Amino acid sequence: MKAKVLVRLKREVLDPQGDAVRRALGTLGFDGVRDVRVGKLIEIDLGASARSSVEVTERLKKMSDELLANPVIEDYEVSVSD
């Protein structure tokens, strides 16, 4: 079972890295880019788990809350595939 956790800064948190990318895109001639937000994608191989999809999702949320994301400034999304 494979899982993905997408972590991004909350909308109200300034994203200086995203702003730098937006400016660089403009410098390279990519006009019209209004906003860029930079995040991270974490891929996790959970092996052949006999757990239900709901249990795996809850486990991933716990991992995200405790280690993978900073819930104060970041949001995250989890997805699971076989």
PDB file of N, CA and C in Angstrom:
ATOM      1  N   MET A   1       0.854  -1.171   0.000  1.00  0.00           N
ATOM      2  CA  MET A   1       0.000   0.000   0.000  1.00  0.00           C
ATOM      3  C   MET A   1       0.896   1.228   0.000  1.00  0.00           C
ATOM      4  N   LYS A   2       0.563   2.172  -0.888  1.00  0.00           N
ATOM      5  CA  LYS A   2       1.365   3.390  -1.000  1.00  0.00           C
ATOM      6  C   LYS A   2       0.530   4.589  -0.611  1.00  0.00           C
ATOM      7  N   ALA A   3       1.198   5.561  -0.030  1.00  0.00           N
ATOM      8  CA  ALA A   3       0.503   6.766   0.416  1.00  0.00           C
ATOM      9  C   ALA A   3       1.303   7.990   0.007  1.00  0.00           C
ATOM     10  N   LYS A   4       0.573   9.093  -0.148  1.00  0.00           N
ATOM     11  CA  LYS A   4       1.192  10.378  -0.430  1.00  0.00           C
ATOM     12  C   LYS A   4       0.649  11.400   0.552  1.00  0.00           C
ATOM     13  N   VAL A   5       1.550  12.224   1.046  1.00  0.00           N
ATOM     14  CA  VAL A   5       1.165  13.331   1.921  1.00  0.00           C
ATOM     15  C   VAL A   5       1.675  14.602   1.252  1.00  0.00           C
ATOM     16  N   LEU A   6       0.744  15.496   0.924  1.00  0.00           N
ATOM     17  CA  LEU A   6       1.078  16.772   0.311  1.00  0.00           C
ATOM     18  C   LEU A   6       0.988  17.849   1.397  1.00  0.00           C
ATOM     19  N   VAL A   7       2.110  18.511   1.658  1.00  0.00           N
ATOM     20  CA  VAL A   7       2.185  19.518   2.725  1.00  0.00           C
ATOM     21  C   VAL A   7       2.404  20.886   2.078  1.00  0.00           C
ATOM     22  N   ARG A   8       1.572  21.859   2.466  1.00  0.00           N
ATOM     23  CA  ARG A   8       1.688  23.227   1.960  1.00  0.00           C
ATOM     24  C   ARG A   8       1.500  24.210   3.097  1.00  0.00           C
ATOM     25  N   LEU A   9       2.107  25.380   2.922  1.00  0.00           N
ATOM     26  CA  LEU A   9       1.876  26.443   3.892  1.00  0.00           C
ATOM     27  C   LEU A   9       0.417  26.868   3.840  1.00  0.00           C
ATOM     28  N   LYS A  10      -0.137  27.213   4.982  1.00  0.00           N
ATOM     29  CA  LYS A  10      -1.505  27.729   5.012  1.00  0.00           C
ATOM     30  C   LYS A  10      -1.564  29.004   4.183  1.00  0.00           C
ATOM     31  N   ARG A  11      -2.709  29.270   3.615  1.00  0.00           N
ATOM     32  CA  ARG A  11      -2.895  30.408   2.718  1.00  0.00           C
ATOM     33  C   ARG A  11      -2.488  31.725   3.387  1.00  0.00           C
ATOM     34  N   GLU A  12      -2.755  31.867   4.683  1.00  0.00           N
ATOM     35  CA  GLU A  12      -2.453  33.126   5.373  1.00  0.00           C
ATOM     36  C   GLU A  12      -0.978  33.287   5.756  1.00  0.00           C
ATOM     37  N   VAL A  13      -0.168  32.250   5.544  1.00  0.00           N
ATOM     38  CA  VAL A  13       1.258  32.297   5.869  1.00  0.00           C
ATOM     39  C   VAL A  13       2.029  32.729   4.619  1.00  0.00           C
ATOM     40  N   LEU A  14       2.894  33.714   4.775  1.00  0.00           N
ATOM     41  CA  LEU A  14       3.711  34.167   3.652  1.00  0.00           C
ATOM     42  C   LEU A  14       4.611  33.042   3.156  1.00  0.00           C
ATOM     43  N   ASP A  15       4.779  32.976   1.833  1.00  0.00           N
ATOM     44  CA  ASP A  15       5.605  31.938   1.221  1.00  0.00           C
ATOM     45  C   ASP A  15       6.741  32.603   0.440  1.00  0.00           C
ATOM     46  N   PRO A  16       7.855  32.949   1.106  1.00  0.00           N
ATOM     47  CA  PRO A  16       8.947  33.643   0.408  1.00  0.00           C
ATOM     48  C   PRO A  16       9.560  32.807  -0.720  1.00  0.00           C
ATOM     49  N   GLN A  17       9.589  31.494  -0.564  1.00  0.00           N
ATOM     50  CA  GLN A  17      10.127  30.645  -1.626  1.00  0.00           C
ATOM     51  C   GLN A  17       9.210  30.692  -2.854  1.00  0.00           C
ATOM     52  N   GLY A  18       7.912  30.634  -2.625  1.00  0.00           N
ATOM     53  CA  GLY A  18       6.955  30.741  -3.719  1.00  0.00           C
ATOM     54  C   GLY A  18       7.044  32.087  -4.414  1.00  0.00           C
ATOM     55  N   ASP A  19       7.241  33.146  -3.631  1.00  0.00           N
ATOM     56  CA  ASP A  19       7.371  34.486  -4.202  1.00  0.00           C
ATOM     57  C   ASP A  19       8.629  34.588  -5.062  1.00  0.00           C
ATOM     58  N   ALA A  20       9.718  33.991  -4.614  1.00  0.00           N
ATOM     59  CA  ALA A  20      10.963  33.997  -5.396  1.00  0.00           C
ATOM     60  C   ALA A  20      10.769  33.243  -6.711  1.00  0.00           C
ATOM     61  N   VAL A  21      10.055  32.126  -6.678  1.00  0.00           N
ATOM     62  CA  VAL A  21       9.778  31.365  -7.905  1.00  0.00           C
ATOM     63  C   VAL A  21       8.919  32.198  -8.855  1.00  0.00           C
ATOM     64  N   ARG A  22       7.903  32.875  -8.320  1.00  0.00           N
ATOM     65  CA  ARG A  22       7.026  33.714  -9.145  1.00  0.00           C
ATOM     66  C   ARG A  22       7.830  34.808  -9.849  1.00  0.00           C
ATOM     67  N   ARG A  23       8.709  35.471  -9.103  1.00  0.00           N
ATOM     68  CA  ARG A  23       9.536  36.522  -9.702  1.00  0.00           C
ATOM     69  C   ARG A  23      10.483  35.955 -10.761  1.00  0.00           C
ATOM     70  N   ALA A  24      11.080  34.802 -10.466  1.00  0.00           N
ATOM     71  CA  ALA A  24      12.002  34.171 -11.426  1.00  0.00           C
ATOM     72  C   ALA A  24      11.268  33.771 -12.708  1.00  0.00           C
ATOM     73  N   LEU A  25      10.053  33.279 -12.584  1.00  0.00           N
ATOM     74  CA  LEU A  25       9.273  32.923 -13.771  1.00  0.00           C
ATOM     75  C   LEU A  25       9.021  34.154 -14.632  1.00  0.00           C
ATOM     76  N   GLY A  26       8.714  35.281 -13.998  1.00  0.00           N
ATOM     77  CA  GLY A  26       8.531  36.528 -14.736  1.00  0.00           C
ATOM     78  C   GLY A  26       9.804  36.949 -15.453  1.00  0.00           C
ATOM     79  N   THR A  27      10.935  36.812 -14.787  1.00  0.00           N
ATOM     80  CA  THR A  27      12.227  37.153 -15.376  1.00  0.00           C
ATOM     81  C   THR A  27      12.535  36.276 -16.590  1.00  0.00           C
ATOM     82  N   LEU A  28      12.087  35.041 -16.551  1.00  0.00           N
ATOM     83  CA  LEU A  28      12.314  34.113 -17.661  1.00  0.00           C
ATOM     84  C   LEU A  28      11.301  34.273 -18.795  1.00  0.00           C
ATOM     85  N   GLY A  29      10.387  35.225 -18.636  1.00  0.00           N
ATOM     86  CA  GLY A  29       9.430  35.500 -19.700  1.00  0.00           C
ATOM     87  C   GLY A  29       8.078  34.834 -19.545  1.00  0.00           C
ATOM     88  N   PHE A  30       7.837  34.180 -18.426  1.00  0.00           N
ATOM     89  CA  PHE A  30       6.544  33.544 -18.174  1.00  0.00           C
ATOM     90  C   PHE A  30       5.625  34.555 -17.496  1.00  0.00           C
ATOM     91  N   ASP A  31       5.027  35.411 -18.324  1.00  0.00           N
ATOM     92  CA  ASP A  31       4.164  36.472 -17.817  1.00  0.00           C
ATOM     93  C   ASP A  31       2.830  35.923 -17.338  1.00  0.00           C
ATOM     94  N   GLY A  32       2.180  36.665 -16.469  1.00  0.00           N
ATOM     95  CA  GLY A  32       0.835  36.330 -16.033  1.00  0.00           C
ATOM     96  C   GLY A  32       0.752  35.408 -14.834  1.00  0.00           C
ATOM     97  N   VAL A  33       1.876  35.002 -14.276  1.00  0.00           N
ATOM     98  CA  VAL A  33       1.852  34.151 -13.075  1.00  0.00           C
ATOM     99  C   VAL A  33       1.571  35.066 -11.884  1.00  0.00           C
ATOM    100  N   ARG A  34       0.414  34.903 -11.289  1.00  0.00           N
ATOM    101  CA  ARG A  34      -0.005  35.797 -10.202  1.00  0.00           C
ATOM    102  C   ARG A  34       0.473  35.342  -8.835  1.00  0.00           C
ATOM    103  N   ASP A  35       0.545  34.025  -8.627  1.00  0.00           N
ATOM    104  CA  ASP A  35       0.913  33.527  -7.301  1.00  0.00           C
ATOM    105  C   ASP A  35       1.528  32.149  -7.442  1.00  0.00           C
ATOM    106  N   VAL A  36       2.501  31.844  -6.610  1.00  0.00           N
ATOM    107  CA  VAL A  36       3.123  30.520  -6.554  1.00  0.00           C
ATOM    108  C   VAL A  36       3.222  30.133  -5.090  1.00  0.00           C
ATOM    109  N   ARG A  37       2.809  28.926  -4.773  1.00  0.00           N
ATOM    110  CA  ARG A  37       2.958  28.371  -3.438  1.00  0.00           C
ATOM    111  C   ARG A  37       3.818  27.122  -3.563  1.00  0.00           C
ATOM    112  N   VAL A  38       4.835  26.999  -2.741  1.00  0.00           N
ATOM    113  CA  VAL A  38       5.734  25.855  -2.784  1.00  0.00           C
ATOM    114  C   VAL A  38       5.413  24.937  -1.613  1.00  0.00           C
ATOM    115  N   GLY A  39       5.346  23.643  -1.885  1.00  0.00           N
ATOM    116  CA  GLY A  39       5.067  22.662  -0.839  1.00  0.00           C
ATOM    117  C   GLY A  39       6.019  21.489  -0.961  1.00  0.00           C
ATOM    118  N   LYS A  40       5.664  20.411  -0.291  1.00  0.00           N
ATOM    119  CA  LYS A  40       6.479  19.198  -0.379  1.00  0.00           C
ATOM    120  C   LYS A  40       5.555  17.997  -0.495  1.00  0.00           C
ATOM    121  N   LEU A  41       6.007  17.012  -1.252  1.00  0.00           N
ATOM    122  CA  LEU A  41       5.282  15.767  -1.436  1.00  0.00           C
ATOM    123  C   LEU A  41       6.086  14.658  -0.767  1.00  0.00           C
ATOM    124  N   ILE A  42       5.443  13.938   0.127  1.00  0.00           N
ATOM    125  CA  ILE A  42       6.099  12.836   0.835  1.00  0.00           C
ATOM    126  C   ILE A  42       5.418  11.547   0.409  1.00  0.00           C
ATOM    127  N   GLU A  43       6.180  10.618  -0.178  1.00  0.00           N
ATOM    128  CA  GLU A  43       5.647   9.329  -0.612  1.00  0.00           C
ATOM    129  C   GLU A  43       6.072   8.273   0.401  1.00  0.00           C
ATOM    130  N   ILE A  44       5.109   7.473   0.836  1.00  0.00           N
ATOM    131  CA  ILE A  44       5.356   6.468   1.874  1.00  0.00           C
ATOM    132  C   ILE A  44       4.871   5.119   1.372  1.00  0.00           C
ATOM    133  N   ASP A  45       5.738   4.104   1.440  1.00  0.00           N
ATOM    134  CA  ASP A  45       5.348   2.733   1.104  1.00  0.00           C
ATOM    135  C   ASP A  45       5.062   2.018   2.417  1.00  0.00           C
ATOM    136  N   LEU A  46       3.810   1.663   2.618  1.00  0.00           N
ATOM    137  CA  LEU A  46       3.394   1.032   3.870  1.00  0.00           C
ATOM    138  C   LEU A  46       3.434  -0.487   3.807  1.00  0.00           C
ATOM    139  N   GLY A  47       3.903  -1.046   2.701  1.00  0.00           N
ATOM    140  CA  GLY A  47       3.971  -2.490   2.558  1.00  0.00           C
ATOM    141  C   GLY A  47       2.586  -3.088   2.385  1.00  0.00           C
ATOM    142  N   ALA A  48       2.506  -4.386   2.471  1.00  0.00           N
ATOM    143  CA  ALA A  48       1.229  -5.094   2.343  1.00  0.00           C
ATOM    144  C   ALA A  48       0.528  -5.063   3.690  1.00  0.00           C
ATOM    145  N   SER A  49      -0.292  -4.072   3.875  1.00  0.00           N
ATOM    146  CA  SER A  49      -0.967  -3.894   5.154  1.00  0.00           C
ATOM    147  C   SER A  49      -2.377  -4.465   5.097  1.00  0.00           C
ATOM    148  N   ALA A  50      -2.776  -5.176   6.146  1.00  0.00           N
ATOM    149  CA  ALA A  50      -4.122  -5.740   6.214  1.00  0.00           C
ATOM    150  C   ALA A  50      -5.110  -4.722   6.775  1.00  0.00           C
ATOM    151  N   ARG A  51      -4.641  -3.510   7.017  1.00  0.00           N
ATOM    152  CA  ARG A  51      -5.503  -2.477   7.595  1.00  0.00           C
ATOM    153  C   ARG A  51      -6.450  -1.918   6.551  1.00  0.00           C
ATOM    154  N   SER A  52      -7.551  -1.414   7.017  1.00  0.00           N
ATOM    155  CA  SER A  52      -8.514  -0.793   6.107  1.00  0.00           C
ATOM    156  C   SER A  52      -8.004   0.571   5.657  1.00  0.00           C
ATOM    157  N   SER A  53      -8.572   1.060   4.579  1.00  0.00           N
ATOM    158  CA  SER A  53      -8.195   2.366   4.057  1.00  0.00           C
ATOM    159  C   SER A  53      -8.436   3.463   5.093  1.00  0.00           C
ATOM    160  N   VAL A  54      -9.496   3.344   5.858  1.00  0.00           N
ATOM    161  CA  VAL A  54      -9.814   4.336   6.897  1.00  0.00           C
ATOM    162  C   VAL A  54      -8.738   4.329   7.982  1.00  0.00           C
ATOM    163  N   GLU A  55      -8.315   3.130   8.404  1.00  0.00           N
ATOM    164  CA  GLU A  55      -7.272   3.030   9.433  1.00  0.00           C
ATOM    165  C   GLU A  55      -5.951   3.601   8.935  1.00  0.00           C
ATOM    166  N   VAL A  56      -5.613   3.314   7.677  1.00  0.00           N
ATOM    167  CA  VAL A  56      -4.366   3.823   7.107  1.00  0.00           C
ATOM    168  C   VAL A  56      -4.412   5.348   7.019  1.00  0.00           C
ATOM    169  N   THR A  57      -5.541   5.890   6.595  1.00  0.00           N
ATOM    170  CA  THR A  57      -5.687   7.341   6.506  1.00  0.00           C
ATOM    171  C   THR A  57      -5.526   7.987   7.871  1.00  0.00           C
ATOM    172  N   GLU A  58      -6.135   7.408   8.888  1.00  0.00           N
ATOM    173  CA  GLU A  58      -5.996   7.947  10.246  1.00  0.00           C
ATOM    174  C   GLU A  58      -4.549   7.884  10.721  1.00  0.00           C
ATOM    175  N   ARG A  59      -3.865   6.795  10.385  1.00  0.00           N
ATOM    176  CA  ARG A  59      -2.458   6.634  10.758  1.00  0.00           C
ATOM    177  C   ARG A  59      -1.602   7.702  10.064  1.00  0.00           C
ATOM    178  N   LEU A  60      -1.896   7.958   8.790  1.00  0.00           N
ATOM    179  CA  LEU A  60      -1.161   8.983   8.048  1.00  0.00           C
ATOM    180  C   LEU A  60      -1.409  10.374   8.613  1.00  0.00           C
ATOM    181  N   LYS A  61      -2.634  10.639   9.028  1.00  0.00           N
ATOM    182  CA  LYS A  61      -2.943  11.930   9.645  1.00  0.00           C
ATOM    183  C   LYS A  61      -2.156  12.108  10.936  1.00  0.00           C
ATOM    184  N   LYS A  62      -2.038  11.041  11.707  1.00  0.00           N
ATOM    185  CA  LYS A  62      -1.265  11.104  12.952  1.00  0.00           C
ATOM    186  C   LYS A  62       0.213  11.350  12.649  1.00  0.00           C
ATOM    187  N   MET A  63       0.749  10.650  11.622  1.00  0.00           N
ATOM    188  CA  MET A  63       2.141  10.874  11.215  1.00  0.00           C
ATOM    189  C   MET A  63       2.345  12.326  10.811  1.00  0.00           C
ATOM    190  N   SER A  64       1.397  12.854  10.062  1.00  0.00           N
ATOM    191  CA  SER A  64       1.496  14.230   9.570  1.00  0.00           C
ATOM    192  C   SER A  64       1.445  15.225  10.710  1.00  0.00           C
ATOM    193  N   ASP A  65       0.520  15.029  11.643  1.00  0.00           N
ATOM    194  CA  ASP A  65       0.396  15.936  12.787  1.00  0.00           C
ATOM    195  C   ASP A  65       1.630  15.919  13.678  1.00  0.00           C
ATOM    196  N   GLU A  66       2.248  14.742  13.819  1.00  0.00           N
ATOM    197  CA  GLU A  66       3.359  14.603  14.754  1.00  0.00           C
ATOM    198  C   GLU A  66       4.733  14.854  14.146  1.00  0.00           C
ATOM    199  N   LEU A  67       4.886  14.680  12.810  1.00  0.00           N
ATOM    200  CA  LEU A  67       6.222  14.789  12.232  1.00  0.00           C
ATOM    201  C   LEU A  67       6.270  15.448  10.856  1.00  0.00           C
ATOM    202  N   LEU A  68       5.410  15.040   9.960  1.00  0.00           N
ATOM    203  CA  LEU A  68       5.557  15.437   8.557  1.00  0.00           C
ATOM    204  C   LEU A  68       5.164  16.886   8.281  1.00  0.00           C
ATOM    205  N   ALA A  69       4.266  17.436   9.077  1.00  0.00           N
ATOM    206  CA  ALA A  69       3.802  18.811   8.870  1.00  0.00           C
ATOM    207  C   ALA A  69       3.798  19.552  10.198  1.00  0.00           C
ATOM    208  N   ASN A  70       3.844  20.855  10.096  1.00  0.00           N
ATOM    209  CA  ASN A  70       3.693  21.710  11.274  1.00  0.00           C
ATOM    210  C   ASN A  70       2.273  22.269  11.209  1.00  0.00           C
ATOM    211  N   PRO A  71       1.327  21.683  11.947  1.00  0.00           N
ATOM    212  CA  PRO A  71      -0.076  22.077  11.839  1.00  0.00           C
ATOM    213  C   PRO A  71      -0.361  23.546  12.164  1.00  0.00           C
ATOM    214  N   VAL A  72       0.566  24.224  12.797  1.00  0.00           N
ATOM    215  CA  VAL A  72       0.373  25.634  13.107  1.00  0.00           C
ATOM    216  C   VAL A  72       0.439  26.473  11.830  1.00  0.00           C
ATOM    217  N   ILE A  73       1.359  26.137  10.928  1.00  0.00           N
ATOM    218  CA  ILE A  73       1.545  26.946   9.719  1.00  0.00           C
ATOM    219  C   ILE A  73       1.306  26.183   8.416  1.00  0.00           C
ATOM    220  N   GLU A  74       1.091  24.863   8.502  1.00  0.00           N
ATOM    221  CA  GLU A  74       0.944  24.068   7.288  1.00  0.00           C
ATOM    222  C   GLU A  74      -0.360  23.269   7.286  1.00  0.00           C
ATOM    223  N   ASP A  75      -0.900  23.095   6.086  1.00  0.00           N
ATOM    224  CA  ASP A  75      -2.009  22.175   5.846  1.00  0.00           C
ATOM    225  C   ASP A  75      -1.452  20.963   5.130  1.00  0.00           C
ATOM    226  N   TYR A  76      -2.167  19.852   5.195  1.00  0.00           N
ATOM    227  CA  TYR A  76      -1.719  18.668   4.459  1.00  0.00           C
ATOM    228  C   TYR A  76      -2.922  17.886   3.943  1.00  0.00           C
ATOM    229  N   GLU A  77      -2.656  17.114   2.900  1.00  0.00           N
ATOM    230  CA  GLU A  77      -3.647  16.203   2.334  1.00  0.00           C
ATOM    231  C   GLU A  77      -3.007  14.829   2.248  1.00  0.00           C
ATOM    232  N   VAL A  78      -3.761  13.795   2.561  1.00  0.00           N
ATOM    233  CA  VAL A  78      -3.247  12.440   2.447  1.00  0.00           C
ATOM    234  C   VAL A  78      -4.055  11.678   1.405  1.00  0.00           C
ATOM    235  N   SER A  79      -3.371  10.788   0.677  1.00  0.00           N
ATOM    236  CA  SER A  79      -4.070   9.909  -0.256  1.00  0.00           C
ATOM    237  C   SER A  79      -3.420   8.538  -0.191  1.00  0.00           C
ATOM    238  N   VAL A  80      -4.222   7.512  -0.415  1.00  0.00           N
ATOM    239  CA  VAL A  80      -3.774   6.123  -0.300  1.00  0.00           C
ATOM    240  C   VAL A  80      -4.133   5.391  -1.572  1.00  0.00           C
ATOM    241  N   SER A  81      -3.191   4.564  -2.074  1.00  0.00           N
ATOM    242  CA  SER A  81      -3.470   3.704  -3.225  1.00  0.00           C
ATOM    243  C   SER A  81      -2.893   2.322  -2.963  1.00  0.00           C
ATOM    244  N   ASP A  82      -3.433   1.363  -3.643  1.00  0.00           N
ATOM    245  CA  ASP A  82      -2.961  -0.036  -3.456  1.00  0.00           C
ATOM    246  C   ASP A  82      -1.736  -0.347  -4.262  1.00  0.00           C
TER     247      ASP A  82
END
